[in-house]
All heavy atoms as atom14 arrays in JSON, in Angstrom:
{
  "sequence": "LKNWKAGPGKKVGIMGLGGLGHMGLKFAHALGAETT",
  "atom14_mask": [
    [1, 1, 1, 1, 1, 1, 1, 1, 0, 0, 0, 0, 0, 0],
    [1, 1, 1, 1, 1, 1, 1, 1, 1, 0, 0, 0, 0, 0],
    [1, 1, 1, 1, 1, 1, 1, 1, 0, 0, 0, 0, 0, 0],
    [1, 1, 1, 1, 1, 1, 1, 1, 1, 1, 1, 1, 1, 1],
    [1, 1, 1, 1, 1, 1, 1, 1, 1, 0, 0, 0, 0, 0],
    [1, 1, 1, 1, 1, 0, 0, 0, 0, 0, 0, 0, 0, 0],
    [1, 1, 1, 1, 0, 0, 0, 0, 0, 0, 0, 0, 0, 0],
    [1, 1, 1, 1, 1, 1, 1, 0, 0, 0, 0, 0, 0, 0],
    [1, 1, 1, 1, 0, 0, 0, 0, 0, 0, 0, 0, 0, 0],
    [1, 1, 1, 1, 1, 1, 1, 1, 1, 0, 0, 0, 0, 0],
    [1, 1, 1, 1, 1, 1, 1, 1, 1, 0, 0, 0, 0, 0],
    [1, 1, 1, 1, 1, 1, 1, 0, 0, 0, 0, 0, 0, 0],
    [1, 1, 1, 1, 0, 0, 0, 0, 0, 0, 0, 0, 0, 0],
    [1, 1, 1, 1, 1, 1, 1, 1, 0, 0, 0, 0, 0, 0],
    [1, 1, 1, 1, 1, 1, 1, 1, 0, 0, 0, 0, 0, 0],
    [1, 1, 1, 1, 0, 0, 0, 0, 0, 0, 0, 0, 0, 0],
    [1, 1, 1, 1, 1, 1, 1, 1, 0, 0, 0, 0, 0, 0],
    [1, 1, 1, 1, 0, 0, 0, 0, 0, 0, 0, 0, 0, 0],
    [1, 1, 1, 1, 0, 0, 0, 0, 0, 0, 0, 0, 0, 0],
    [1, 1, 1, 1, 1, 1, 1, 1, 0, 0, 0, 0, 0, 0],
    [1, 1, 1, 1, 0, 0, 0, 0, 0, 0, 0, 0, 0, 0],
    [1, 1, 1, 1, 1, 1, 1, 1, 1, 1, 0, 0, 0, 0],
    [1, 1, 1, 1, 1, 1, 1, 1, 0, 0, 0, 0, 0, 0],
    [1, 1, 1, 1, 0, 0, 0, 0, 0, 0, 0, 0, 0, 0],
    [1, 1, 1, 1, 1, 1, 1, 1, 0, 0, 0, 0, 0, 0],
    [1, 1, 1, 1, 1, 1, 1, 1, 1, 0, 0, 0, 0, 0],
    [1, 1, 1, 1, 1, 1, 1, 1, 1, 1, 1, 0, 0, 0],
    [1, 1, 1, 1, 1, 0, 0, 0, 0, 0, 0, 0, 0, 0],
    [1, 1, 1, 1, 1, 1, 1, 1, 1, 1, 0, 0, 0, 0],
    [1, 1, 1, 1, 1, 0, 0, 0, 0, 0, 0, 0, 0, 0],
    [1, 1, 1, 1, 1, 1, 1, 1, 0, 0, 0, 0, 0, 0],
    [1, 1, 1, 1, 0, 0, 0, 0, 0, 0, 0, 0, 0, 0],
    [1, 1, 1, 1, 1, 0, 0, 0, 0, 0, 0, 0, 0, 0],
    [1, 1, 1, 1, 1, 1, 1, 1, 1, 0, 0, 0, 0, 0],
    [1, 1, 1, 1, 1, 1, 1, 0, 0, 0, 0, 0, 0, 0],
    [1, 1, 1, 1, 1, 1, 1, 0, 0, 0, 0, 0, 0, 0]
  ],
  "atom14_positions": [
    [[181.93, 143.17, 151.94], [182.7, 142.87, 150.74], [181.78, 142.46, 149.59], [181.97, 142.86, 148.44], [183.72, 141.77, 151.02], [184.94, 142.2, 151.85], [185.7, 140.98, 152.36], [185.87, 143.1, 151.03], [0.0, 0.0, 0.0], [0.0, 0.0, 0.0], [0.0, 0.0, 0.0], [0.0, 0.0, 0.0], [0.0, 0.0, 0.0], [0.0, 0.0, 0.0]],
    [[180.76, 141.67, 149.9], [179.8, 141.27, 148.88], [178.89, 142.42, 148.49], [178.59, 142.62, 147.3], [178.98, 140.08, 149.37], [179.76, 138.79, 149.51], [180.23, 138.25, 148.16], [179.08, 137.68, 147.36], [179.54, 137.03, 146.11], [0.0, 0.0, 0.0], [0.0, 0.0, 0.0], [0.0, 0.0, 0.0], [0.0, 0.0, 0.0], [0.0, 0.0, 0.0]],
    [[178.44, 143.19, 149.48], [177.5, 144.28, 149.19], [178.12, 145.34, 148.29], [177.45, 145.88, 147.39], [177.02, 144.92, 150.49], [175.93, 145.94, 150.26], [174.82, 145.61, 149.85], [176.24, 147.21, 150.5], [0.0, 0.0, 0.0], [0.0, 0.0, 0.0], [0.0, 0.0, 0.0], [0.0, 0.0, 0.0], [0.0, 0.0, 0.0], [0.0, 0.0, 0.0]],
    [[179.41, 145.63, 148.51], [180.09, 146.64, 147.69], [180.91, 146.01, 146.57], [181.78, 146.63, 145.99], [180.92, 147.56, 148.58], [180.07, 148.63, 149.21], [179.64, 149.79, 148.63], [179.51, 148.62, 150.53], [178.85, 150.51, 149.5], [178.75, 149.83, 150.68], [179.55, 147.74, 151.6], [178.07, 150.15, 151.85], [178.86, 148.05, 152.77], [178.13, 149.24, 152.89]],
    [[180.61, 144.73, 146.3], [181.08, 144.04, 145.09], [182.6, 143.99, 144.95], [183.17, 144.27, 143.89], [180.45, 144.68, 143.84], [178.93, 144.56, 143.84], [178.31, 145.25, 142.64], [176.81, 144.97, 142.56], [176.06, 145.32, 143.78], [0.0, 0.0, 0.0], [0.0, 0.0, 0.0], [0.0, 0.0, 0.0], [0.0, 0.0, 0.0], [0.0, 0.0, 0.0]],
    [[183.24, 143.59, 146.03], [184.68, 143.34, 145.96], [184.94, 142.15, 145.05], [184.22, 141.15, 145.1], [185.24, 143.07, 147.35], [0.0, 0.0, 0.0], [0.0, 0.0, 0.0], [0.0, 0.0, 0.0], [0.0, 0.0, 0.0], [0.0, 0.0, 0.0], [0.0, 0.0, 0.0], [0.0, 0.0, 0.0], [0.0, 0.0, 0.0], [0.0, 0.0, 0.0]],
    [[185.95, 142.28, 144.2], [186.26, 141.19, 143.29], [187.36, 141.59, 142.34], [188.04, 142.61, 142.54], [0.0, 0.0, 0.0], [0.0, 0.0, 0.0], [0.0, 0.0, 0.0], [0.0, 0.0, 0.0], [0.0, 0.0, 0.0], [0.0, 0.0, 0.0], [0.0, 0.0, 0.0], [0.0, 0.0, 0.0], [0.0, 0.0, 0.0], [0.0, 0.0, 0.0]],
    [[187.56, 140.84, 141.27], [188.61, 141.16, 140.31], [188.46, 142.58, 139.76], [187.36, 143.03, 139.45], [188.39, 140.12, 139.2], [187.73, 138.97, 139.9], [186.84, 139.6, 140.93], [0.0, 0.0, 0.0], [0.0, 0.0, 0.0], [0.0, 0.0, 0.0], [0.0, 0.0, 0.0], [0.0, 0.0, 0.0], [0.0, 0.0, 0.0], [0.0, 0.0, 0.0]],
    [[189.59, 143.28, 139.67], [189.57, 144.65, 139.18], [189.3, 145.69, 140.23], [189.39, 146.9, 139.95], [0.0, 0.0, 0.0], [0.0, 0.0, 0.0], [0.0, 0.0, 0.0], [0.0, 0.0, 0.0], [0.0, 0.0, 0.0], [0.0, 0.0, 0.0], [0.0, 0.0, 0.0], [0.0, 0.0, 0.0], [0.0, 0.0, 0.0], [0.0, 0.0, 0.0]],
    [[188.97, 145.28, 141.46], [188.7, 146.21, 142.55], [189.88, 146.25, 143.52], [190.53, 145.23, 143.78], [187.44, 145.79, 143.32], [186.15, 145.86, 142.51], [185.8, 147.3, 142.16], [184.47, 147.38, 141.41], [183.33, 147.12, 142.3], [0.0, 0.0, 0.0], [0.0, 0.0, 0.0], [0.0, 0.0, 0.0], [0.0, 0.0, 0.0], [0.0, 0.0, 0.0]],
    [[190.15, 147.44, 144.02], [191.19, 147.62, 145.04], [190.53, 147.8, 146.39], [189.75, 148.74, 146.59], [192.07, 148.82, 144.7], [192.94, 148.61, 143.47], [193.92, 149.76, 143.27], [194.85, 149.5, 142.08], [195.84, 150.6, 141.92], [0.0, 0.0, 0.0], [0.0, 0.0, 0.0], [0.0, 0.0, 0.0], [0.0, 0.0, 0.0], [0.0, 0.0, 0.0]],
    [[190.85, 146.9, 147.33], [190.22, 146.88, 148.65], [191.28, 147.09, 149.72], [192.35, 146.45, 149.68], [189.5, 145.54, 148.89], [188.97, 145.46, 150.31], [188.35, 145.37, 147.88], [0.0, 0.0, 0.0], [0.0, 0.0, 0.0], [0.0, 0.0, 0.0], [0.0, 0.0, 0.0], [0.0, 0.0, 0.0], [0.0, 0.0, 0.0], [0.0, 0.0, 0.0]],
    [[190.98, 147.97, 150.67], [191.85, 148.18, 151.82], [191.22, 147.63, 153.09], [190.02, 147.81, 153.31], [0.0, 0.0, 0.0], [0.0, 0.0, 0.0], [0.0, 0.0, 0.0], [0.0, 0.0, 0.0], [0.0, 0.0, 0.0], [0.0, 0.0, 0.0], [0.0, 0.0, 0.0], [0.0, 0.0, 0.0], [0.0, 0.0, 0.0], [0.0, 0.0, 0.0]],
    [[192.0, 146.95, 153.89], [191.55, 146.42, 155.18], [192.35, 147.11, 156.28], [193.57, 146.96, 156.34], [191.74, 144.89, 155.29], [191.07, 144.16, 154.12], [191.23, 144.39, 156.62], [189.58, 144.23, 154.08], [0.0, 0.0, 0.0], [0.0, 0.0, 0.0], [0.0, 0.0, 0.0], [0.0, 0.0, 0.0], [0.0, 0.0, 0.0], [0.0, 0.0, 0.0]],
    [[191.67, 147.88, 157.12], [192.34, 148.57, 158.23], [192.34, 147.68, 159.46], [191.29, 147.35, 160.01], [191.63, 149.88, 158.53], [191.74, 150.91, 157.41], [190.66, 152.34, 157.66], [191.22, 152.92, 159.29], [0.0, 0.0, 0.0], [0.0, 0.0, 0.0], [0.0, 0.0, 0.0], [0.0, 0.0, 0.0], [0.0, 0.0, 0.0], [0.0, 0.0, 0.0]],
    [[193.54, 147.26, 159.87], [193.68, 146.41, 161.05], [193.79, 144.95, 160.67], [193.14, 144.48, 159.73], [0.0, 0.0, 0.0], [0.0, 0.0, 0.0], [0.0, 0.0, 0.0], [0.0, 0.0, 0.0], [0.0, 0.0, 0.0], [0.0, 0.0, 0.0], [0.0, 0.0, 0.0], [0.0, 0.0, 0.0], [0.0, 0.0, 0.0], [0.0, 0.0, 0.0]],
    [[194.63, 144.22, 161.4], [194.81, 142.78, 161.15], [194.6, 142.02, 162.45], [195.48, 141.31, 162.93], [196.18, 142.49, 160.56], [196.35, 141.08, 159.97], [195.46, 140.92, 158.74], [197.8, 140.8, 159.61], [0.0, 0.0, 0.0], [0.0, 0.0, 0.0], [0.0, 0.0, 0.0], [0.0, 0.0, 0.0], [0.0, 0.0, 0.0], [0.0, 0.0, 0.0]],
    [[193.41, 142.18, 163.02], [193.04, 141.44, 164.21], [192.0, 140.38, 163.87], [191.98, 139.85, 162.76], [0.0, 0.0, 0.0], [0.0, 0.0, 0.0], [0.0, 0.0, 0.0], [0.0, 0.0, 0.0], [0.0, 0.0, 0.0], [0.0, 0.0, 0.0], [0.0, 0.0, 0.0], [0.0, 0.0, 0.0], [0.0, 0.0, 0.0], [0.0, 0.0, 0.0]],
    [[191.12, 140.09, 164.83], [190.1, 139.07, 164.63], [189.19, 139.36, 163.45], [188.82, 138.46, 162.69], [0.0, 0.0, 0.0], [0.0, 0.0, 0.0], [0.0, 0.0, 0.0], [0.0, 0.0, 0.0], [0.0, 0.0, 0.0], [0.0, 0.0, 0.0], [0.0, 0.0, 0.0], [0.0, 0.0, 0.0], [0.0, 0.0, 0.0], [0.0, 0.0, 0.0]],
    [[188.81, 140.63, 163.28], [188.0, 141.03, 162.13], [188.84, 141.18, 160.87], [188.51, 140.65, 159.81], [187.27, 142.35, 162.43], [186.21, 142.35, 163.52], [185.73, 143.77, 163.79], [185.03, 141.46, 163.12], [0.0, 0.0, 0.0], [0.0, 0.0, 0.0], [0.0, 0.0, 0.0], [0.0, 0.0, 0.0], [0.0, 0.0, 0.0], [0.0, 0.0, 0.0]],
    [[189.92, 141.93, 160.99], [190.71, 142.27, 159.82], [191.26, 141.06, 159.09], [191.29, 141.03, 157.85], [0.0, 0.0, 0.0], [0.0, 0.0, 0.0], [0.0, 0.0, 0.0], [0.0, 0.0, 0.0], [0.0, 0.0, 0.0], [0.0, 0.0, 0.0], [0.0, 0.0, 0.0], [0.0, 0.0, 0.0], [0.0, 0.0, 0.0], [0.0, 0.0, 0.0]],
    [[191.71, 140.05, 159.82], [192.3, 138.91, 159.12], [191.24, 138.14, 158.33], [191.54, 137.54, 157.3], [193.09, 138.01, 160.08], [192.34, 136.89, 160.71], [191.36, 137.07, 161.67], [192.46, 135.53, 160.55], [190.9, 135.89, 162.06], [191.53, 134.95, 161.39], [0.0, 0.0, 0.0], [0.0, 0.0, 0.0], [0.0, 0.0, 0.0], [0.0, 0.0, 0.0]],
    [[189.97, 138.19, 158.79], [188.9, 137.57, 158.0], [188.61, 138.4, 156.76], [188.37, 137.86, 155.67], [187.63, 137.43, 158.84], [187.72, 136.4, 159.97], [188.36, 134.79, 159.47], [187.39, 134.42, 158.01], [0.0, 0.0, 0.0], [0.0, 0.0, 0.0], [0.0, 0.0, 0.0], [0.0, 0.0, 0.0], [0.0, 0.0, 0.0], [0.0, 0.0, 0.0]],
    [[188.63, 139.73, 156.89], [188.43, 140.59, 155.72], [189.49, 140.35, 154.67], [189.2, 140.3, 153.47], [0.0, 0.0, 0.0], [0.0, 0.0, 0.0], [0.0, 0.0, 0.0], [0.0, 0.0, 0.0], [0.0, 0.0, 0.0], [0.0, 0.0, 0.0], [0.0, 0.0, 0.0], [0.0, 0.0, 0.0], [0.0, 0.0, 0.0], [0.0, 0.0, 0.0]],
    [[190.72, 140.18, 155.11], [191.82, 139.91, 154.2], [191.6, 138.59, 153.47], [191.73, 138.5, 152.23], [193.14, 139.88, 154.97], [194.36, 139.32, 154.25], [194.63, 140.04, 152.94], [195.59, 139.38, 155.17], [0.0, 0.0, 0.0], [0.0, 0.0, 0.0], [0.0, 0.0, 0.0], [0.0, 0.0, 0.0], [0.0, 0.0, 0.0], [0.0, 0.0, 0.0]],
    [[191.26, 137.54, 154.2], [191.07, 136.23, 153.57], [189.94, 136.26, 152.55], [190.06, 135.7, 151.45], [190.8, 135.17, 154.64], [192.01, 134.83, 155.51], [191.71, 133.67, 156.45], [192.93, 133.29, 157.27], [192.74, 132.06, 158.05], [0.0, 0.0, 0.0], [0.0, 0.0, 0.0], [0.0, 0.0, 0.0], [0.0, 0.0, 0.0], [0.0, 0.0, 0.0]],
    [[188.84, 136.92, 152.9], [187.7, 136.97, 151.98], [188.01, 137.83, 150.75], [187.69, 137.45, 149.62], [186.46, 137.51, 152.7], [185.81, 136.53, 153.63], [185.38, 136.91, 154.88], [185.62, 135.21, 153.25], [184.77, 136.02, 155.73], [185.01, 134.3, 154.1], [184.58, 134.7, 155.35], [0.0, 0.0, 0.0], [0.0, 0.0, 0.0], [0.0, 0.0, 0.0]],
    [[188.59, 139.01, 150.97], [188.89, 139.9, 149.84], [189.84, 139.2, 148.85], [189.66, 139.29, 147.63], [189.5, 141.2, 150.34], [0.0, 0.0, 0.0], [0.0, 0.0, 0.0], [0.0, 0.0, 0.0], [0.0, 0.0, 0.0], [0.0, 0.0, 0.0], [0.0, 0.0, 0.0], [0.0, 0.0, 0.0], [0.0, 0.0, 0.0], [0.0, 0.0, 0.0]],
    [[190.82, 138.51, 149.4], [191.76, 137.78, 148.54], [191.04, 136.67, 147.77], [191.24, 136.52, 146.55], [192.87, 137.19, 149.39], [193.81, 136.29, 148.64], [194.71, 136.75, 147.71], [193.97, 134.93, 148.69], [195.4, 135.73, 147.22], [194.97, 134.62, 147.78], [0.0, 0.0, 0.0], [0.0, 0.0, 0.0], [0.0, 0.0, 0.0], [0.0, 0.0, 0.0]],
    [[190.19, 135.91, 148.46], [189.48, 134.81, 147.8], [188.5, 135.32, 146.75], [188.24, 134.63, 145.75], [188.75, 133.97, 148.84], [0.0, 0.0, 0.0], [0.0, 0.0, 0.0], [0.0, 0.0, 0.0], [0.0, 0.0, 0.0], [0.0, 0.0, 0.0], [0.0, 0.0, 0.0], [0.0, 0.0, 0.0], [0.0, 0.0, 0.0], [0.0, 0.0, 0.0]],
    [[187.97, 136.52, 146.95], [187.05, 137.11, 145.99], [187.77, 137.67, 144.76], [187.13, 138.05, 143.78], [186.22, 138.21, 146.65], [185.15, 137.74, 147.64], [184.65, 138.9, 148.48], [183.99, 137.06, 146.9], [0.0, 0.0, 0.0], [0.0, 0.0, 0.0], [0.0, 0.0, 0.0], [0.0, 0.0, 0.0], [0.0, 0.0, 0.0], [0.0, 0.0, 0.0]],
    [[189.08, 137.76, 144.84], [189.87, 138.19, 143.69], [190.22, 139.65, 143.66], [190.74, 140.15, 142.65], [0.0, 0.0, 0.0], [0.0, 0.0, 0.0], [0.0, 0.0, 0.0], [0.0, 0.0, 0.0], [0.0, 0.0, 0.0], [0.0, 0.0, 0.0], [0.0, 0.0, 0.0], [0.0, 0.0, 0.0], [0.0, 0.0, 0.0], [0.0, 0.0, 0.0]],
    [[189.99, 140.38, 144.75], [190.32, 141.8, 144.8], [191.8, 141.99, 145.08], [192.44, 141.16, 145.74], [189.5, 142.5, 145.89], [0.0, 0.0, 0.0], [0.0, 0.0, 0.0], [0.0, 0.0, 0.0], [0.0, 0.0, 0.0], [0.0, 0.0, 0.0], [0.0, 0.0, 0.0], [0.0, 0.0, 0.0], [0.0, 0.0, 0.0], [0.0, 0.0, 0.0]],
    [[192.35, 143.1, 144.59], [193.71, 143.5, 144.96], [193.62, 144.09, 146.36], [192.97, 145.11, 146.57], [194.26, 144.54, 143.98], [195.68, 144.96, 144.3], [196.24, 145.97, 143.31], [195.74, 146.02, 142.16], [197.17, 146.71, 143.69], [0.0, 0.0, 0.0], [0.0, 0.0, 0.0], [0.0, 0.0, 0.0], [0.0, 0.0, 0.0], [0.0, 0.0, 0.0]],
    [[194.26, 143.44, 147.33], [194.0, 143.72, 148.74], [195.22, 144.3, 149.45], [196.32, 143.75, 149.36], [193.54, 142.43, 149.47], [192.45, 141.86, 148.76], [193.11, 142.73, 150.89], [0.0, 0.0, 0.0], [0.0, 0.0, 0.0], [0.0, 0.0, 0.0], [0.0, 0.0, 0.0], [0.0, 0.0, 0.0], [0.0, 0.0, 0.0], [0.0, 0.0, 0.0]],
    [[194.98, 145.4, 150.16], [196.02, 146.07, 150.93], [195.63, 146.07, 152.4], [194.48, 146.4, 152.75], [196.21, 147.53, 150.47], [196.6, 147.53, 149.1], [197.27, 148.25, 151.3], [0.0, 0.0, 0.0], [0.0, 0.0, 0.0], [0.0, 0.0, 0.0], [0.0, 0.0, 0.0], [0.0, 0.0, 0.0], [0.0, 0.0, 0.0], [0.0, 0.0, 0.0]]
  ]
}
């Protein structure tokens, strides 16, 4: 998420909501990305 500069104005998709996916969701949201 940091390497590909997720943040405000970016649309980020997270595939899966398991142990990995739920962390991706929390981080993408906190970074300010529009998260699906």
